[in-house]
Amino acid sequence: YTWHFDDDERPHRDGVTYDRKANQVTLSTEGAAA
């Protein structure tokens, strides 16, 4: 779920891809540190 998104054709044995928007979140460096 960190890389095998719906537009990624690289193989994975599960054959499952993940929605990028639902599995990525952006956070400021200061917010992450907090």
All heavy atoms as atom14 arrays in JSON, in Angstrom:
{
  "sequence": "YTWHFDDDERPHRDGVTYDRKANQVTLSTEGAAA",
  "atom14_mask": [
    [1, 1, 1, 1, 1, 1, 1, 1, 1, 1, 1, 1, 0, 0],
    [1, 1, 1, 1, 1, 1, 1, 0, 0, 0, 0, 0, 0, 0],
    [1, 1, 1, 1, 1, 1, 1, 1, 1, 1, 1, 1, 1, 1],
    [1, 1, 1, 1, 1, 1, 1, 1, 1, 1, 0, 0, 0, 0],
    [1, 1, 1, 1, 1, 1, 1, 1, 1, 1, 1, 0, 0, 0],
    [1, 1, 1, 1, 1, 1, 1, 1, 0, 0, 0, 0, 0, 0],
    [1, 1, 1, 1, 1, 1, 1, 1, 0, 0, 0, 0, 0, 0],
    [1, 1, 1, 1, 1, 1, 1, 1, 0, 0, 0, 0, 0, 0],
    [1, 1, 1, 1, 1, 1, 1, 1, 1, 0, 0, 0, 0, 0],
    [1, 1, 1, 1, 1, 1, 1, 1, 1, 1, 1, 0, 0, 0],
    [1, 1, 1, 1, 1, 1, 1, 0, 0, 0, 0, 0, 0, 0],
    [1, 1, 1, 1, 1, 1, 1, 1, 1, 1, 0, 0, 0, 0],
    [1, 1, 1, 1, 1, 1, 1, 1, 1, 1, 1, 0, 0, 0],
    [1, 1, 1, 1, 1, 1, 1, 1, 0, 0, 0, 0, 0, 0],
    [1, 1, 1, 1, 0, 0, 0, 0, 0, 0, 0, 0, 0, 0],
    [1, 1, 1, 1, 1, 1, 1, 0, 0, 0, 0, 0, 0, 0],
    [1, 1, 1, 1, 1, 1, 1, 0, 0, 0, 0, 0, 0, 0],
    [1, 1, 1, 1, 1, 1, 1, 1, 1, 1, 1, 1, 0, 0],
    [1, 1, 1, 1, 1, 1, 1, 1, 0, 0, 0, 0, 0, 0],
    [1, 1, 1, 1, 1, 1, 1, 1, 1, 1, 1, 0, 0, 0],
    [1, 1, 1, 1, 1, 1, 1, 1, 1, 0, 0, 0, 0, 0],
    [1, 1, 1, 1, 1, 0, 0, 0, 0, 0, 0, 0, 0, 0],
    [1, 1, 1, 1, 1, 1, 1, 1, 0, 0, 0, 0, 0, 0],
    [1, 1, 1, 1, 1, 1, 1, 1, 1, 0, 0, 0, 0, 0],
    [1, 1, 1, 1, 1, 1, 1, 0, 0, 0, 0, 0, 0, 0],
    [1, 1, 1, 1, 1, 1, 1, 0, 0, 0, 0, 0, 0, 0],
    [1, 1, 1, 1, 1, 1, 1, 1, 0, 0, 0, 0, 0, 0],
    [1, 1, 1, 1, 1, 1, 0, 0, 0, 0, 0, 0, 0, 0],
    [1, 1, 1, 1, 1, 1, 1, 0, 0, 0, 0, 0, 0, 0],
    [1, 1, 1, 1, 1, 1, 1, 1, 1, 0, 0, 0, 0, 0],
    [1, 1, 1, 1, 0, 0, 0, 0, 0, 0, 0, 0, 0, 0],
    [1, 1, 1, 1, 1, 0, 0, 0, 0, 0, 0, 0, 0, 0],
    [1, 1, 1, 1, 1, 0, 0, 0, 0, 0, 0, 0, 0, 0],
    [1, 1, 1, 1, 1, 0, 0, 0, 0, 0, 0, 0, 0, 0]
  ],
  "atom14_positions": [
    [[0.82, -1.22, 0.0], [0.0, 0.0, 0.0], [0.85, 1.27, 0.0], [0.32, 2.37, -0.15], [-0.96, 0.0, 1.2], [-0.29, -0.06, 2.55], [0.05, 1.11, 3.23], [0.01, -1.27, 3.15], [0.67, 1.06, 4.47], [0.62, -1.33, 4.39], [0.95, -0.16, 5.05], [1.56, -0.22, 6.28], [0.0, 0.0, 0.0], [0.0, 0.0, 0.0]],
    [[2.19, 1.12, 0.14], [3.06, 2.28, 0.07], [3.52, 2.59, -1.37], [4.11, 3.64, -1.61], [4.32, 2.09, 0.94], [5.11, 1.01, 0.42], [3.95, 1.82, 2.4], [0.0, 0.0, 0.0], [0.0, 0.0, 0.0], [0.0, 0.0, 0.0], [0.0, 0.0, 0.0], [0.0, 0.0, 0.0], [0.0, 0.0, 0.0], [0.0, 0.0, 0.0]],
    [[3.24, 1.68, -2.31], [3.73, 1.91, -3.67], [2.89, 1.28, -4.78], [2.9, 1.77, -5.92], [5.17, 1.37, -3.81], [5.29, -0.11, -3.58], [5.51, -0.73, -2.38], [5.18, -1.17, -4.55], [5.56, -2.09, -2.53], [5.36, -2.4, -3.85], [4.96, -1.2, -5.92], [5.32, -3.63, -4.49], [4.91, -2.43, -6.56], [5.1, -3.63, -5.84]],
    [[2.14, 0.23, -4.5], [1.45, -0.5, -5.57], [0.07, 0.12, -5.82], [-0.96, -0.49, -5.53], [1.33, -1.98, -5.21], [1.13, -2.86, -6.4], [0.34, -3.98, -6.39], [1.62, -2.78, -7.67], [0.36, -4.56, -7.57], [1.13, -3.84, -8.37], [0.0, 0.0, 0.0], [0.0, 0.0, 0.0], [0.0, 0.0, 0.0], [0.0, 0.0, 0.0]],
    [[0.09, 1.31, -6.4], [-1.13, 2.06, -6.62], [-1.79, 1.65, -7.94], [-1.22, 0.91, -8.74], [-0.83, 3.56, -6.59], [-0.2, 4.0, -5.29], [1.05, 4.6, -5.27], [-0.85, 3.79, -4.08], [1.63, 4.99, -4.08], [-0.27, 4.18, -2.88], [0.98, 4.78, -2.87], [0.0, 0.0, 0.0], [0.0, 0.0, 0.0], [0.0, 0.0, 0.0]],
    [[-2.99, 2.15, -8.15], [-3.79, 1.72, -9.29], [-3.11, 1.95, -10.63], [-3.39, 1.25, -11.59], [-5.15, 2.44, -9.27], [-6.04, 1.96, -8.13], [-5.79, 0.85, -7.6], [-6.97, 2.69, -7.76], [0.0, 0.0, 0.0], [0.0, 0.0, 0.0], [0.0, 0.0, 0.0], [0.0, 0.0, 0.0], [0.0, 0.0, 0.0], [0.0, 0.0, 0.0]],
    [[-2.2, 2.91, -10.71], [-1.52, 3.2, -11.98], [-0.14, 2.53, -12.07], [0.63, 2.81, -12.98], [-1.38, 4.71, -12.17], [-0.64, 5.38, -11.01], [-0.41, 4.72, -9.98], [-0.3, 6.57, -11.14], [0.0, 0.0, 0.0], [0.0, 0.0, 0.0], [0.0, 0.0, 0.0], [0.0, 0.0, 0.0], [0.0, 0.0, 0.0], [0.0, 0.0, 0.0]],
    [[0.17, 1.64, -11.15], [1.48, 1.0, -11.1], [1.35, -0.42, -11.64], [0.65, -1.26, -11.07], [1.99, 0.97, -9.66], [3.48, 0.62, -9.57], [3.95, -0.2, -10.39], [4.16, 1.16, -8.69], [0.0, 0.0, 0.0], [0.0, 0.0, 0.0], [0.0, 0.0, 0.0], [0.0, 0.0, 0.0], [0.0, 0.0, 0.0], [0.0, 0.0, 0.0]],
    [[2.03, -0.7, -12.75], [1.93, -2.01, -13.39], [3.01, -2.99, -12.94], [3.06, -4.12, -13.44], [1.99, -1.84, -14.91], [0.81, -1.03, -15.47], [0.85, -0.9, -16.97], [1.84, -1.37, -17.59], [-0.1, -0.33, -17.54], [0.0, 0.0, 0.0], [0.0, 0.0, 0.0], [0.0, 0.0, 0.0], [0.0, 0.0, 0.0], [0.0, 0.0, 0.0]],
    [[3.85, -2.59, -12.0], [4.85, -3.52, -11.47], [4.13, -4.65, -10.73], [3.12, -4.43, -10.06], [5.82, -2.79, -10.55], [6.68, -1.76, -11.28], [7.58, -1.0, -10.32], [6.82, -0.17, -9.38], [7.37, 0.54, -8.39], [8.68, 0.5, -8.22], [6.61, 1.26, -7.6], [0.0, 0.0, 0.0], [0.0, 0.0, 0.0], [0.0, 0.0, 0.0]],
    [[4.63, -5.88, -10.82], [3.9, -7.02, -10.26], [4.0, -7.12, -8.74], [5.01, -6.74, -8.14], [4.56, -8.23, -10.93], [5.96, -7.77, -11.22], [5.85, -6.31, -11.56], [0.0, 0.0, 0.0], [0.0, 0.0, 0.0], [0.0, 0.0, 0.0], [0.0, 0.0, 0.0], [0.0, 0.0, 0.0], [0.0, 0.0, 0.0], [0.0, 0.0, 0.0]],
    [[2.95, -7.66, -8.15], [2.95, -8.06, -6.75], [2.12, -9.33, -6.67], [1.11, -9.47, -7.36], [2.37, -6.97, -5.85], [2.5, -7.28, -4.39], [1.54, -7.98, -3.68], [3.5, -7.02, -3.51], [1.94, -8.11, -2.42], [3.12, -7.55, -2.29], [0.0, 0.0, 0.0], [0.0, 0.0, 0.0], [0.0, 0.0, 0.0], [0.0, 0.0, 0.0]],
    [[2.53, -10.27, -5.83], [1.9, -11.58, -5.84], [0.42, -11.55, -5.45], [-0.34, -12.44, -5.84], [2.65, -12.54, -4.92], [2.59, -12.2, -3.44], [3.41, -13.18, -2.64], [3.43, -12.86, -1.23], [4.26, -13.42, -0.35], [5.12, -14.34, -0.77], [4.23, -13.08, 0.91], [0.0, 0.0, 0.0], [0.0, 0.0, 0.0], [0.0, 0.0, 0.0]],
    [[0.0, -10.55, -4.67], [-1.41, -10.48, -4.28], [-2.31, -10.01, -5.41], [-3.52, -10.23, -5.37], [-1.59, -9.55, -3.08], [-0.99, -10.12, -1.81], [-0.7, -11.33, -1.8], [-0.79, -9.36, -0.85], [0.0, 0.0, 0.0], [0.0, 0.0, 0.0], [0.0, 0.0, 0.0], [0.0, 0.0, 0.0], [0.0, 0.0, 0.0], [0.0, 0.0, 0.0]],
    [[-1.72, -9.36, -6.41], [-2.5, -8.85, -7.52], [-3.44, -7.71, -7.16], [-4.36, -7.39, -7.9], [0.0, 0.0, 0.0], [0.0, 0.0, 0.0], [0.0, 0.0, 0.0], [0.0, 0.0, 0.0], [0.0, 0.0, 0.0], [0.0, 0.0, 0.0], [0.0, 0.0, 0.0], [0.0, 0.0, 0.0], [0.0, 0.0, 0.0], [0.0, 0.0, 0.0]],
    [[-3.2, -7.09, -6.0], [-4.05, -6.01, -5.51], [-3.34, -4.68, -5.72], [-2.14, -4.56, -5.46], [-4.37, -6.2, -4.01], [-5.16, -5.01, -3.47], [-5.13, -7.49, -3.79], [0.0, 0.0, 0.0], [0.0, 0.0, 0.0], [0.0, 0.0, 0.0], [0.0, 0.0, 0.0], [0.0, 0.0, 0.0], [0.0, 0.0, 0.0], [0.0, 0.0, 0.0]],
    [[-4.06, -3.68, -6.2], [-3.53, -2.33, -6.25], [-4.35, -1.45, -5.3], [-5.47, -1.8, -4.92], [-3.55, -1.75, -7.67], [-4.9, -1.78, -8.18], [-2.64, -2.54, -8.59], [0.0, 0.0, 0.0], [0.0, 0.0, 0.0], [0.0, 0.0, 0.0], [0.0, 0.0, 0.0], [0.0, 0.0, 0.0], [0.0, 0.0, 0.0], [0.0, 0.0, 0.0]],
    [[-3.79, -0.3, -4.96], [-4.37, 0.56, -3.94], [-4.63, 1.95, -4.49], [-3.86, 2.47, -5.31], [-3.43, 0.66, -2.73], [-3.22, -0.67, -2.05], [-2.29, -1.58, -2.53], [-3.96, -1.02, -0.93], [-2.11, -2.81, -1.92], [-3.79, -2.25, -0.31], [-2.86, -3.14, -0.82], [-2.68, -4.36, -0.21], [0.0, 0.0, 0.0], [0.0, 0.0, 0.0]],
    [[-5.71, 2.53, -4.03], [-6.03, 3.9, -4.41], [-5.0, 4.84, -3.78], [-4.85, 4.86, -2.55], [-7.43, 4.25, -3.94], [-7.81, 5.68, -4.29], [-8.03, 5.97, -5.47], [-7.83, 6.53, -3.35], [0.0, 0.0, 0.0], [0.0, 0.0, 0.0], [0.0, 0.0, 0.0], [0.0, 0.0, 0.0], [0.0, 0.0, 0.0], [0.0, 0.0, 0.0]],
    [[-4.33, 5.61, -4.6], [-3.26, 6.47, -4.1], [-3.78, 7.49, -3.09], [-3.2, 7.7, -2.02], [-2.58, 7.2, -5.27], [-1.37, 8.04, -4.86], [-0.84, 8.81, -6.05], [-0.34, 7.94, -7.09], [0.93, 7.52, -7.17], [1.8, 7.87, -6.25], [1.3, 6.74, -8.17], [0.0, 0.0, 0.0], [0.0, 0.0, 0.0], [0.0, 0.0, 0.0]],
    [[-4.89, 8.13, -3.4], [-5.41, 9.18, -2.53], [-5.77, 8.63, -1.16], [-5.57, 9.29, -0.13], [-6.63, 9.82, -3.18], [-7.17, 11.02, -2.42], [-8.3, 11.69, -3.17], [-8.82, 12.89, -2.4], [-9.94, 13.56, -3.14], [0.0, 0.0, 0.0], [0.0, 0.0, 0.0], [0.0, 0.0, 0.0], [0.0, 0.0, 0.0], [0.0, 0.0, 0.0]],
    [[-6.29, 7.41, -1.1], [-6.72, 6.83, 0.18], [-5.55, 6.3, 0.99], [-5.69, 6.07, 2.21], [-7.72, 5.72, -0.08], [0.0, 0.0, 0.0], [0.0, 0.0, 0.0], [0.0, 0.0, 0.0], [0.0, 0.0, 0.0], [0.0, 0.0, 0.0], [0.0, 0.0, 0.0], [0.0, 0.0, 0.0], [0.0, 0.0, 0.0], [0.0, 0.0, 0.0]],
    [[-4.39, 6.09, 0.35], [-3.27, 5.45, 1.04], [-2.04, 6.34, 1.17], [-0.99, 5.87, 1.61], [-2.9, 4.15, 0.31], [-3.93, 3.07, 0.52], [-3.9, 2.37, 1.52], [-4.87, 2.95, -0.42], [0.0, 0.0, 0.0], [0.0, 0.0, 0.0], [0.0, 0.0, 0.0], [0.0, 0.0, 0.0], [0.0, 0.0, 0.0], [0.0, 0.0, 0.0]],
    [[-2.19, 7.6, 0.81], [-1.13, 8.57, 1.01], [-1.7, 9.79, 1.72], [-2.83, 10.2, 1.47], [-0.51, 9.04, -0.31], [0.4, 8.05, -0.98], [1.06, 8.63, -2.22], [0.57, 9.55, -2.86], [2.2, 8.06, -2.6], [0.0, 0.0, 0.0], [0.0, 0.0, 0.0], [0.0, 0.0, 0.0], [0.0, 0.0, 0.0], [0.0, 0.0, 0.0]],
    [[-0.89, 10.35, 2.61], [-1.28, 11.58, 3.29], [-0.05, 12.47, 3.38], [1.07, 12.0, 3.58], [-1.88, 11.29, 4.69], [-0.87, 10.62, 5.6], [-2.42, 12.56, 5.33], [0.0, 0.0, 0.0], [0.0, 0.0, 0.0], [0.0, 0.0, 0.0], [0.0, 0.0, 0.0], [0.0, 0.0, 0.0], [0.0, 0.0, 0.0], [0.0, 0.0, 0.0]],
    [[-0.26, 13.76, 3.19], [0.83, 14.73, 3.26], [0.82, 15.42, 4.61], [-0.25, 15.83, 5.1], [0.7, 15.77, 2.13], [0.74, 15.09, 0.87], [1.83, 16.78, 2.18], [0.0, 0.0, 0.0], [0.0, 0.0, 0.0], [0.0, 0.0, 0.0], [0.0, 0.0, 0.0], [0.0, 0.0, 0.0], [0.0, 0.0, 0.0], [0.0, 0.0, 0.0]],
    [[1.98, 15.55, 5.19], [2.1, 16.16, 6.51], [3.35, 17.02, 6.54], [4.39, 16.62, 6.02], [2.2, 15.05, 7.58], [2.08, 15.43, 9.05], [0.72, 16.03, 9.36], [2.31, 14.19, 9.92], [0.0, 0.0, 0.0], [0.0, 0.0, 0.0], [0.0, 0.0, 0.0], [0.0, 0.0, 0.0], [0.0, 0.0, 0.0], [0.0, 0.0, 0.0]],
    [[3.24, 18.19, 7.15], [4.42, 19.05, 7.25], [5.48, 18.38, 8.1], [5.19, 17.55, 8.97], [4.04, 20.4, 7.86], [3.75, 20.26, 9.24], [0.0, 0.0, 0.0], [0.0, 0.0, 0.0], [0.0, 0.0, 0.0], [0.0, 0.0, 0.0], [0.0, 0.0, 0.0], [0.0, 0.0, 0.0], [0.0, 0.0, 0.0], [0.0, 0.0, 0.0]],
    [[6.74, 18.71, 7.86], [7.83, 18.13, 8.63], [7.68, 18.49, 10.11], [7.95, 17.65, 10.99], [9.18, 18.6, 8.11], [9.22, 20.03, 8.1], [9.41, 18.09, 6.69], [0.0, 0.0, 0.0], [0.0, 0.0, 0.0], [0.0, 0.0, 0.0], [0.0, 0.0, 0.0], [0.0, 0.0, 0.0], [0.0, 0.0, 0.0], [0.0, 0.0, 0.0]],
    [[7.25, 19.69, 10.39], [7.05, 20.1, 11.78], [5.89, 19.33, 12.42], [5.97, 18.9, 13.58], [6.78, 21.6, 11.86], [6.73, 22.14, 13.27], [6.63, 23.65, 13.31], [6.53, 24.27, 12.22], [6.64, 24.22, 14.42], [0.0, 0.0, 0.0], [0.0, 0.0, 0.0], [0.0, 0.0, 0.0], [0.0, 0.0, 0.0], [0.0, 0.0, 0.0]],
    [[4.82, 19.12, 11.64], [3.69, 18.35, 12.15], [4.06, 16.9, 12.42], [3.63, 16.32, 13.42], [0.0, 0.0, 0.0], [0.0, 0.0, 0.0], [0.0, 0.0, 0.0], [0.0, 0.0, 0.0], [0.0, 0.0, 0.0], [0.0, 0.0, 0.0], [0.0, 0.0, 0.0], [0.0, 0.0, 0.0], [0.0, 0.0, 0.0], [0.0, 0.0, 0.0]],
    [[4.85, 16.31, 11.53], [5.3, 14.93, 11.74], [6.16, 14.83, 12.98], [6.01, 13.91, 13.79], [6.07, 14.43, 10.52], [0.0, 0.0, 0.0], [0.0, 0.0, 0.0], [0.0, 0.0, 0.0], [0.0, 0.0, 0.0], [0.0, 0.0, 0.0], [0.0, 0.0, 0.0], [0.0, 0.0, 0.0], [0.0, 0.0, 0.0], [0.0, 0.0, 0.0]],
    [[7.06, 15.79, 13.16], [7.91, 15.79, 14.35], [7.1, 15.91, 15.62], [7.4, 15.26, 16.63], [8.93, 16.92, 14.25], [0.0, 0.0, 0.0], [0.0, 0.0, 0.0], [0.0, 0.0, 0.0], [0.0, 0.0, 0.0], [0.0, 0.0, 0.0], [0.0, 0.0, 0.0], [0.0, 0.0, 0.0], [0.0, 0.0, 0.0], [0.0, 0.0, 0.0]],
    [[6.06, 16.72, 15.59], [5.22, 16.89, 16.77], [4.5, 15.58, 17.13], [4.38, 15.22, 18.31], [4.21, 18.01, 16.53], [0.0, 0.0, 0.0], [0.0, 0.0, 0.0], [0.0, 0.0, 0.0], [0.0, 0.0, 0.0], [0.0, 0.0, 0.0], [0.0, 0.0, 0.0], [0.0, 0.0, 0.0], [0.0, 0.0, 0.0], [0.0, 0.0, 0.0]]
  ]
}
